[in-house]
Amino acid sequence: MTIPEFFRESVNRFGTYPALASKKNGKWEVLNYNQYYEACRKAARALLKLGLEPFHSVGILGFNSVEWFLAALGAIFAGGFCVGIYATNSAEVCQYIIAHAKVNILLVENDLQLQKILSIPKTKMETLKAIVQYRLPVKESKCNNLYSWDDFMELGNSIPESQLDQIMKSQKANQCAVIIYTSGTIGYPKGVMLSHDNGTLVNTLQEVKPTAFLGVPRIWEKMHEKIKETVGKSSSLRRKVFSWARNTGFKVNSKRMRGGHDTPMSYRMAKALVFTKIKNSLGLDRCRIFISGAAPLNQETAEFFLSLDIPIGEAYGMSESSGPHSTSSPENYRILSSGKVMTGCKNMLYQQTKDGVGEICLWGRHVFMGYLEREDATAEAIDEEGWLHSGDLGHMDNQGFLFITGRIKEIIITVGGENVAPIPIENLVKEKIPIISNAMLVGDKAKFLGVLLTLKVTGVF
């Protein structure tokens, strides 16, 4: 199934339901699935009018927005590739991506991003035909082929709907749809090619409803700190009730992880007095699924929220696997685990140690097609049997739960030849010394280990 086909199926099922919402001038503007689909088609026709060629790219330089979504799907509908570009990228990196991905049309968020692009010599962006600035005001008047978002969307009126229909029908599931540029430790970023088929993995995530929240560890840590700060300012009685509720919540939820289903009276009281109020204060009162991703969640934060009846599951994946590969759910949850491998995917731990730790290798239809014009890097990442080597270290328990322990390249090798995984030590330092915000272990090729520390600060200096 291609992305346009999958989208059309969603429209048939959820046509009048809200799909996208954004806040403008203090008011929420909502597009339902029917409106969303038609807006994407209109953007696709506008891109064709501006000269988007088959299997060329539409670059999007800016932060998350409705326009970002419309342009991304419009590019795919029109037979091109969607290429997101980090708003923080330098002009040099932007130029590399524009040239490497053969970008025909570039969307920029504002004048700041536009000026960054205009600083690049045109001779280094030979495939670029037009620029669209999707946030007002458009200040630049000397730039040829520069369009505002509204003007851009009107361009497609001269392109017949039948022309777009033909392009969408001709697409194949194994064709590239998206190129994600992922930064390496050295050199320019590599372009991860994802096919339409990679995108259909979302079918297996039907349990993830709008009542789910995904945050990077730092978001959860900030929530943790805010709750502790608020409780610390409350009365002695409130602090005692909070502490009692946490102890109760931790015991009950720990038993649930092991298959228990008891709901004692003490838990119901704790829920009424503390848990519900905490969730309301965080805006998570309707949330059923709590996920952390992008980096490991520290144990202190995970246990803190578990004790408040907020079991934070973790998800594991990478750009090269179209996003998630293993996920947690309310039914499959272990603290600090990245859950179980998703349906249709496989795990392998390569070159395991005696402790069962090995390199996490991924297999499935969600694995990427390869790096754009980088056959050497592709061969290094995917072996002959189709296993994607992640470079991450981990182990699995006897129930199939995946635990991430670090990166192969993170391993510190002392002058004596001892291999040291830094993350467990860094997390322990932060746990034992609460005023520490970050810890970094050092000592590669040295006689001893050291640690670099930063302190937690409050307020602005």
Protein backbone atom coordinates (compact mmCIF):
# COMPACT_ATOMS: atom_id res chain seq x y z
CA MET A 1 0.00 0.00 0.00
CA THR A 2 1.32 3.46 -0.90
CA ILE A 3 1.02 6.51 1.34
CA PRO A 4 -1.70 8.13 -0.87
CA GLU A 5 -3.69 4.86 -0.70
CA PHE A 6 -3.24 4.64 3.05
CA PHE A 7 -4.31 8.28 3.45
CA ARG A 8 -7.38 7.71 1.25
CA GLU A 9 -8.34 4.74 3.44
CA SER A 10 -8.08 6.91 6.56
CA VAL A 11 -10.25 9.57 4.92
CA ASN A 12 -12.91 6.97 4.14
CA ARG A 13 -12.91 5.82 7.77
CA PHE A 14 -12.56 9.12 9.61
CA GLY A 15 -13.62 11.78 7.08
CA THR A 16 -15.32 14.26 9.41
CA TYR A 17 -13.14 13.57 12.44
CA PRO A 18 -10.44 16.12 13.45
CA ALA A 19 -7.05 15.37 11.87
CA LEU A 20 -4.89 18.47 12.40
CA ALA A 21 -5.23 21.34 14.83
CA SER A 22 -3.15 24.49 15.19
CA LYS A 23 -3.49 27.61 17.30
CA LYS A 24 -3.46 30.95 15.46
CA ASN A 25 -4.12 34.31 17.09
CA GLY A 26 -5.32 32.56 20.22
CA LYS A 27 -7.88 30.39 18.40
CA TRP A 28 -7.72 26.74 17.42
CA GLU A 29 -8.12 25.97 13.73
CA VAL A 30 -9.04 22.37 12.96
CA LEU A 31 -8.89 20.41 9.71
CA ASN A 32 -10.86 17.17 9.51
CA TYR A 33 -9.58 14.26 7.42
CA ASN A 34 -11.54 15.31 4.33
CA GLN A 35 -10.15 18.85 4.50
CA TYR A 36 -6.65 17.60 5.28
CA TYR A 37 -6.64 15.30 2.25
CA GLU A 38 -7.92 17.99 -0.11
CA ALA A 39 -5.35 20.51 1.19
CA CYS A 40 -2.57 17.98 0.55
CA ARG A 41 -3.84 17.44 -2.99
CA LYS A 42 -3.90 21.21 -3.55
CA ALA A 43 -0.32 21.50 -2.29
CA ALA A 44 0.69 18.62 -4.59
CA ARG A 45 -0.78 20.36 -7.64
CA ALA A 46 1.00 23.59 -6.68
CA LEU A 47 4.31 21.72 -6.45
CA LEU A 48 3.73 20.25 -9.91
CA LYS A 49 3.01 23.75 -11.23
CA LEU A 50 6.34 24.97 -9.82
CA GLY A 51 8.16 22.21 -11.68
CA LEU A 52 8.59 19.33 -9.24
CA GLU A 53 10.11 16.51 -11.26
CA PRO A 54 9.47 12.80 -10.61
CA PHE A 55 11.80 11.39 -7.95
CA HIS A 56 13.13 14.81 -7.03
CA SER A 57 12.70 16.45 -3.66
CA VAL A 58 10.73 19.07 -1.79
CA GLY A 59 12.79 20.47 1.08
CA ILE A 60 11.09 21.84 4.22
CA LEU A 61 13.18 24.09 6.46
CA GLY A 62 11.33 25.06 9.62
CA PHE A 63 9.64 23.93 12.80
CA ASN A 64 6.49 21.83 13.13
CA SER A 65 3.37 23.37 11.56
CA VAL A 66 0.27 22.53 9.53
CA GLU A 67 2.04 23.82 6.41
CA TRP A 68 4.90 21.38 7.10
CA PHE A 69 2.47 18.44 7.00
CA LEU A 70 0.67 19.66 3.89
CA ALA A 71 3.91 20.22 1.98
CA ALA A 72 5.35 16.88 3.07
CA LEU A 73 2.36 14.85 1.94
CA GLY A 74 1.88 17.06 -1.10
CA ALA A 75 5.41 16.21 -2.20
CA ILE A 76 4.69 12.48 -1.90
CA PHE A 77 1.32 12.76 -3.66
CA ALA A 78 3.05 14.58 -6.55
CA GLY A 79 5.61 11.80 -7.00
CA GLY A 80 8.50 13.51 -5.25
CA PHE A 81 10.36 12.98 -2.00
CA CYS A 82 9.75 14.80 1.26
CA VAL A 83 13.01 16.07 2.80
CA GLY A 84 12.89 17.72 6.21
CA ILE A 85 15.78 20.03 7.09
CA TYR A 86 16.58 20.97 10.68
CA ALA A 87 15.85 24.64 11.34
CA THR A 88 19.14 24.83 13.27
CA ASN A 89 21.27 23.57 10.37
CA SER A 90 23.94 25.89 9.04
CA ALA A 91 23.78 27.31 5.52
CA GLU A 92 26.56 24.89 4.53
CA VAL A 93 24.59 21.83 5.64
CA CYS A 94 21.40 23.17 4.02
CA GLN A 95 23.28 23.64 0.75
CA TYR A 96 24.61 20.09 0.92
CA ILE A 97 21.14 18.60 1.48
CA ILE A 98 19.54 20.73 -1.27
CA ALA A 99 22.16 19.59 -3.78
CA HIS A 100 22.42 15.98 -2.59
CA ALA A 101 18.64 15.35 -2.51
CA LYS A 102 18.05 17.26 -5.77
CA VAL A 103 15.57 19.65 -4.17
CA ASN A 104 13.32 21.37 -6.74
CA ILE A 105 11.16 23.39 -4.35
CA LEU A 106 12.18 24.58 -0.90
CA LEU A 107 9.76 25.70 1.81
CA VAL A 108 11.16 27.96 4.52
CA GLU A 109 9.37 28.98 7.69
CA ASN A 110 10.31 32.66 7.95
CA ASP A 111 12.65 35.42 6.81
CA LEU A 112 15.45 34.14 9.05
CA GLN A 113 15.52 30.81 7.23
CA LEU A 114 15.07 32.53 3.87
CA GLN A 115 18.11 34.75 4.40
CA LYS A 116 20.14 31.66 5.31
CA ILE A 117 19.26 30.12 1.94
CA LEU A 118 19.82 33.35 0.00
CA SER A 119 23.36 33.48 1.41
CA ILE A 120 24.18 30.34 -0.60
CA PRO A 121 25.44 30.90 -4.18
CA LYS A 122 22.84 29.80 -6.74
CA THR A 123 25.50 27.81 -8.56
CA LYS A 124 25.57 25.43 -5.59
CA MET A 125 21.79 24.83 -5.75
CA GLU A 126 21.30 24.12 -9.45
CA THR A 127 18.19 21.94 -9.03
CA LEU A 128 16.31 24.55 -6.95
CA LYS A 129 13.48 26.18 -8.92
CA ALA A 130 11.37 28.01 -6.33
CA ILE A 131 11.15 28.97 -2.65
CA VAL A 132 7.96 29.20 -0.60
CA GLN A 133 7.90 31.11 2.69
CA TYR A 134 5.01 29.72 4.71
CA ARG A 135 4.94 32.24 7.56
CA LEU A 136 4.25 35.96 7.13
CA PRO A 137 5.47 38.56 6.59
CA VAL A 138 7.40 37.97 3.37
CA LYS A 139 9.94 40.81 3.52
CA GLU A 140 12.20 39.85 0.62
CA SER A 141 11.24 41.56 -2.65
CA LYS A 142 14.35 41.01 -4.80
CA CYS A 143 14.18 37.22 -4.89
CA ASN A 144 12.78 35.68 -8.06
CA ASN A 145 10.46 32.68 -7.74
CA LEU A 146 9.63 33.42 -4.10
CA TYR A 147 6.03 32.77 -3.04
CA SER A 148 3.96 33.23 0.09
CA TRP A 149 2.00 30.21 1.31
CA ASP A 150 -1.35 31.55 0.10
CA ASP A 151 0.02 32.42 -3.35
CA PHE A 152 1.68 29.00 -3.53
CA MET A 153 -1.55 27.15 -2.76
CA GLU A 154 -3.39 29.02 -5.52
CA LEU A 155 -0.84 27.97 -8.15
CA GLY A 156 -2.24 24.45 -8.38
CA ASN A 157 -5.60 25.56 -9.75
CA SER A 158 -4.28 25.27 -13.30
CA ILE A 159 -3.18 21.65 -12.82
CA PRO A 160 -6.00 19.17 -13.60
CA GLU A 161 -7.08 16.83 -10.81
CA SER A 162 -6.79 13.97 -13.32
CA GLN A 163 -3.06 14.66 -13.76
CA LEU A 164 -2.48 14.29 -10.03
CA ASP A 165 -4.69 11.18 -9.88
CA GLN A 166 -2.56 9.53 -12.56
CA ILE A 167 0.65 10.28 -10.68
CA MET A 168 -0.76 8.91 -7.43
CA LYS A 169 -2.05 5.73 -9.10
CA SER A 170 1.33 5.06 -10.73
CA GLN A 171 3.21 4.96 -7.43
CA LYS A 172 4.53 1.66 -6.03
CA ALA A 173 4.93 0.63 -2.41
CA ASN A 174 8.64 -0.09 -2.85
CA GLN A 175 9.43 3.38 -4.20
CA CYS A 176 11.13 6.01 -2.05
CA ALA A 177 8.80 8.55 -0.43
CA VAL A 178 10.85 10.26 2.28
CA ILE A 179 14.52 11.09 2.77
CA ILE A 180 15.57 11.72 6.37
CA TYR A 181 19.01 13.23 6.87
CA THR A 182 20.59 11.77 9.97
CA SER A 183 23.77 13.31 11.32
CA GLY A 184 26.89 11.24 11.79
CA THR A 185 29.85 11.82 14.05
CA ILE A 186 31.92 13.15 11.15
CA GLY A 187 31.21 14.61 7.72
CA TYR A 188 27.89 15.56 6.17
CA PRO A 189 24.60 13.87 7.18
CA LYS A 190 23.46 10.72 5.39
CA GLY A 191 20.14 10.58 3.56
CA VAL A 192 18.00 7.69 4.84
CA MET A 193 15.61 6.59 2.09
CA LEU A 194 12.22 5.35 3.35
CA SER A 195 9.73 3.76 0.99
CA HIS A 196 5.93 3.96 1.03
CA ASP A 197 5.95 0.44 2.47
CA ASN A 198 8.02 1.61 5.44
CA GLY A 199 5.22 3.97 6.34
CA THR A 200 2.53 1.28 6.57
CA LEU A 201 4.11 0.01 9.79
CA VAL A 202 1.81 2.52 11.51
CA ASN A 203 -0.99 -0.05 11.05
CA THR A 204 0.49 -2.02 13.95
CA LEU A 205 0.18 0.99 16.29
CA GLN A 206 -3.61 1.04 16.41
CA GLU A 207 -3.55 0.91 20.20
CA VAL A 208 -1.89 4.36 20.25
CA LYS A 209 -4.82 6.79 20.35
CA PRO A 210 -4.89 10.60 20.75
CA THR A 211 -4.92 9.79 24.48
CA ALA A 212 -1.20 9.00 24.29
CA PHE A 213 1.77 11.22 25.09
CA LEU A 214 5.30 10.86 23.76
CA GLY A 215 8.11 12.92 25.22
CA VAL A 216 11.90 12.84 25.19
CA PRO A 217 13.52 12.08 28.58
CA ARG A 218 14.25 15.75 29.27
CA ILE A 219 10.53 16.58 29.14
CA TRP A 220 9.76 13.87 31.70
CA GLU A 221 12.68 15.03 33.86
CA LYS A 222 11.39 18.63 33.83
CA MET A 223 7.91 17.43 34.84
CA HIS A 224 9.54 15.40 37.61
CA GLU A 225 11.43 18.44 38.89
CA LYS A 226 8.33 20.66 38.72
CA ILE A 227 6.20 18.23 40.72
CA LYS A 228 8.91 17.85 43.38
CA GLU A 229 9.26 21.63 43.58
CA THR A 230 5.49 22.12 44.00
CA VAL A 231 5.20 19.39 46.62
CA GLY A 232 8.20 20.81 48.48
CA LYS A 233 6.35 24.11 48.92
CA SER A 234 3.18 22.48 50.28
CA SER A 235 2.22 21.85 53.91
CA SER A 236 3.67 19.05 56.02
CA LEU A 237 0.38 17.13 55.86
CA ARG A 238 0.22 17.34 52.06
CA ARG A 239 3.82 16.12 51.78
CA LYS A 240 3.03 13.13 53.99
CA VAL A 241 -0.07 12.26 51.95
CA PHE A 242 1.98 12.59 48.73
CA SER A 243 4.70 10.29 50.11
CA TRP A 244 2.12 7.71 51.26
CA ALA A 245 0.38 7.80 47.86
CA ARG A 246 3.69 7.29 46.05
CA ASN A 247 4.58 4.27 48.17
CA THR A 248 1.14 2.80 47.52
CA GLY A 249 1.30 3.52 43.79
CA PHE A 250 4.76 2.03 43.41
CA LYS A 251 3.77 -1.23 45.15
CA VAL A 252 0.58 -1.66 43.11
CA ASN A 253 2.16 -0.81 39.75
CA SER A 254 5.21 -2.99 40.45
CA LYS A 255 2.85 -5.93 41.03
CA ARG A 256 0.99 -5.10 37.82
CA MET A 257 4.26 -5.36 35.89
CA ARG A 258 4.48 -8.95 37.15
CA GLY A 259 0.92 -9.76 36.11
CA GLY A 260 -1.02 -8.73 39.21
CA HIS A 261 -4.45 -7.13 38.95
CA ASP A 262 -5.23 -6.14 42.53
CA THR A 263 -6.82 -2.75 43.17
CA PRO A 264 -6.72 -2.32 46.97
CA MET A 265 -8.68 0.36 48.80
CA SER A 266 -5.44 2.21 49.60
CA TYR A 267 -4.72 2.52 45.86
CA ARG A 268 -8.21 3.88 45.13
CA MET A 269 -7.76 6.45 47.90
CA ALA A 270 -4.32 7.45 46.60
CA LYS A 271 -5.77 7.81 43.10
CA ALA A 272 -8.55 10.11 44.32
CA LEU A 273 -6.35 12.20 46.61
CA VAL A 274 -3.15 12.46 44.55
CA PHE A 275 -2.84 10.64 41.22
CA THR A 276 -5.87 12.19 39.51
CA LYS A 277 -4.88 15.69 40.64
CA ILE A 278 -1.30 15.24 39.41
CA LYS A 279 -2.51 14.07 35.99
CA ASN A 280 -4.94 16.99 35.79
CA SER A 281 -2.15 19.43 36.57
CA LEU A 282 0.00 17.97 33.82
CA GLY A 283 -2.85 17.89 31.30
CA LEU A 284 -2.61 14.09 31.18
CA ASP A 285 -5.97 13.28 32.74
CA ARG A 286 -7.23 11.50 29.58
CA CYS A 287 -3.92 9.85 28.79
CA ARG A 288 -3.66 6.07 28.81
CA ILE A 289 -0.27 5.60 27.20
CA PHE A 290 2.89 7.36 28.32
CA ILE A 291 6.02 6.93 26.19
CA SER A 292 9.59 8.19 26.35
CA GLY A 293 11.86 8.00 23.33
CA ALA A 294 15.01 9.27 21.56
CA ALA A 295 17.27 8.50 24.56
CA PRO A 296 17.19 6.30 27.68
CA LEU A 297 15.00 7.47 30.57
CA ASN A 298 16.85 7.50 33.89
CA GLN A 299 15.67 5.12 36.60
CA GLU A 300 14.83 7.79 39.17
CA THR A 301 12.40 9.55 36.82
CA ALA A 302 10.85 6.27 35.65
CA GLU A 303 10.25 5.07 39.22
CA PHE A 304 8.94 8.48 40.32
CA PHE A 305 6.21 8.51 37.67
CA LEU A 306 5.44 4.81 38.17
CA SER A 307 4.70 5.63 41.81
CA LEU A 308 2.24 8.31 40.62
CA ASP A 309 0.32 5.82 38.47
CA ILE A 310 2.04 7.05 35.30
CA PRO A 311 3.96 4.06 33.94
CA ILE A 312 6.27 5.52 31.29
CA GLY A 313 7.03 2.96 28.63
CA GLU A 314 9.96 3.41 26.28
CA ALA A 315 10.13 3.01 22.52
CA TYR A 316 13.21 2.06 20.53
CA GLY A 317 13.93 2.71 16.90
CA MET A 318 15.94 4.84 14.50
CA SER A 319 15.53 6.82 11.30
CA GLU A 320 16.74 3.77 9.40
CA SER A 321 13.82 1.72 10.78
CA SER A 322 11.12 4.28 9.90
CA GLY A 323 10.85 5.17 13.58
CA PRO A 324 9.77 2.62 16.21
CA HIS A 325 10.97 -0.99 16.21
CA SER A 326 9.98 -2.02 19.72
CA THR A 327 7.39 -0.32 21.92
CA SER A 328 5.85 -0.53 25.36
CA SER A 329 2.13 -0.63 26.05
CA PRO A 330 -0.04 -0.86 29.17
CA GLU A 331 -0.20 -4.63 28.58
CA ASN A 332 3.53 -5.02 27.86
CA TYR A 333 5.49 -2.91 30.29
CA ARG A 334 8.70 -3.26 32.26
CA ILE A 335 10.38 -0.30 33.87
CA LEU A 336 13.43 0.91 31.86
CA SER A 337 12.59 -1.53 29.06
CA SER A 338 11.96 -0.48 25.46
CA GLY A 339 9.12 -2.97 25.30
CA LYS A 340 8.70 -5.79 22.85
CA VAL A 341 9.43 -6.01 19.15
CA MET A 342 6.51 -4.88 17.00
CA THR A 343 4.48 -7.27 14.88
CA GLY A 344 6.31 -8.22 11.68
CA CYS A 345 9.72 -7.15 13.03
CA LYS A 346 12.60 -9.19 14.42
CA ASN A 347 15.50 -8.61 16.81
CA MET A 348 18.93 -10.18 16.92
CA LEU A 349 21.71 -9.53 19.42
CA TYR A 350 24.97 -9.74 17.49
CA GLN A 351 28.17 -10.96 19.15
CA GLN A 352 26.66 -11.38 22.61
CA THR A 353 28.84 -11.30 25.70
CA LYS A 354 28.52 -13.81 28.53
CA ASP A 355 26.03 -11.38 30.12
CA GLY A 356 23.78 -11.58 27.05
CA VAL A 357 24.63 -8.06 25.84
CA GLY A 358 25.09 -7.63 22.11
CA GLU A 359 24.61 -5.24 19.22
CA ILE A 360 20.91 -4.77 18.49
CA CYS A 361 20.13 -5.75 14.90
CA LEU A 362 16.75 -5.06 13.30
CA TRP A 363 14.90 -6.89 10.54
CA GLY A 364 11.55 -6.23 8.85
CA ARG A 365 9.75 -4.36 6.11
CA HIS A 366 10.26 -1.15 8.06
CA VAL A 367 14.04 -1.24 7.48
CA PHE A 368 15.12 1.53 5.13
CA MET A 369 16.07 1.16 1.47
CA GLY A 370 19.59 2.48 1.98
CA TYR A 371 21.48 5.77 2.19
CA LEU A 372 21.02 8.05 -0.80
CA GLU A 373 24.04 7.71 -3.11
CA ARG A 374 26.06 6.09 -0.29
CA GLU A 375 26.35 2.40 -1.16
CA ASP A 376 29.41 2.01 1.07
CA ALA A 377 27.55 3.28 4.14
CA THR A 378 24.50 1.16 3.25
CA ALA A 379 26.61 -2.00 3.02
CA GLU A 380 28.12 -1.16 6.39
CA ALA A 381 24.69 -0.76 8.01
CA ILE A 382 22.77 -3.68 6.43
CA ASP A 383 24.38 -7.11 6.21
CA GLU A 384 23.83 -9.73 3.49
CA GLU A 385 20.86 -11.26 5.33
CA GLY A 386 19.05 -7.94 5.58
CA TRP A 387 19.80 -7.23 9.25
CA LEU A 388 20.20 -3.55 10.10
CA HIS A 389 23.09 -3.10 12.55
CA SER A 390 22.11 -0.30 14.92
CA GLY A 391 25.38 0.29 16.75
CA ASP A 392 23.37 0.13 20.00
CA LEU A 393 24.03 -2.39 22.75
CA GLY A 394 21.27 -4.19 24.62
CA HIS A 395 19.93 -7.40 26.06
CA MET A 396 16.56 -9.18 26.19
CA ASP A 397 14.97 -10.89 29.16
CA ASN A 398 13.26 -14.29 29.00
CA GLN A 399 9.91 -12.65 28.21
CA GLY A 400 11.18 -10.76 25.17
CA PHE A 401 11.54 -7.29 26.73
CA LEU A 402 14.38 -5.26 25.19
CA PHE A 403 16.74 -3.25 27.39
CA ILE A 404 19.18 -0.71 25.89
CA THR A 405 22.54 -0.51 27.66
CA GLY A 406 24.52 1.92 25.47
CA ARG A 407 26.32 2.48 22.18
CA ILE A 408 29.24 0.48 20.85
CA LYS A 409 31.11 3.72 20.14
CA GLU A 410 30.44 4.91 23.71
CA ILE A 411 32.43 2.09 25.25
CA ILE A 412 35.49 3.42 27.06
CA ILE A 413 38.58 1.23 26.81
CA THR A 414 41.13 2.03 29.51
CA VAL A 415 44.87 1.75 28.97
CA GLY A 416 44.66 -1.62 30.76
CA GLY A 417 42.20 -2.93 28.16
CA GLU A 418 39.11 -2.86 30.38
CA ASN A 419 35.82 -2.12 28.57
CA VAL A 420 33.58 0.27 30.52
CA ALA A 421 29.98 1.16 29.61
CA PRO A 422 29.55 4.81 30.70
CA ILE A 423 25.75 5.17 30.88
CA PRO A 424 25.11 3.01 34.00
CA ILE A 425 27.86 4.88 35.88
CA GLU A 426 26.62 8.30 34.71
CA ASN A 427 23.06 7.47 35.78
CA LEU A 428 24.27 6.25 39.17
CA VAL A 429 26.19 9.48 39.76
CA LYS A 430 23.07 11.56 38.99
CA GLU A 431 20.98 9.33 41.25
CA LYS A 432 23.36 9.58 44.21
CA ILE A 433 24.09 13.32 43.80
CA PRO A 434 20.71 15.04 43.20
CA ILE A 435 22.23 18.46 42.43
CA ILE A 436 23.92 17.04 39.30
CA SER A 437 22.07 17.65 36.02
CA ASN A 438 24.51 15.94 33.65
CA ALA A 439 27.41 13.54 34.05
CA MET A 440 29.91 12.44 31.40
CA LEU A 441 32.40 9.65 32.05
CA VAL A 442 35.85 10.06 30.46
CA GLY A 443 38.97 7.93 30.45
CA ASP A 444 39.46 6.33 27.04
CA LYS A 445 43.06 5.08 26.75
CA ALA A 446 43.76 6.50 30.23
CA LYS A 447 44.95 4.87 33.46
CA PHE A 448 41.86 5.96 35.38
CA LEU A 449 38.30 7.16 34.86
CA GLY A 450 37.06 10.69 35.46
CA VAL A 451 33.68 12.34 35.26
CA LEU A 452 32.61 15.78 34.02
CA LEU A 453 29.65 17.22 35.92
CA THR A 454 27.18 20.08 35.50
CA LEU A 455 24.98 21.37 38.32
CA LYS A 456 21.24 21.89 38.27
CA VAL A 457 20.34 25.58 38.24
CA THR A 458 17.08 27.45 38.71
CA GLY A 459 16.18 30.91 37.52
CA VAL A 460 17.97 33.07 34.97
CA PHE A 461 21.24 34.82 35.67
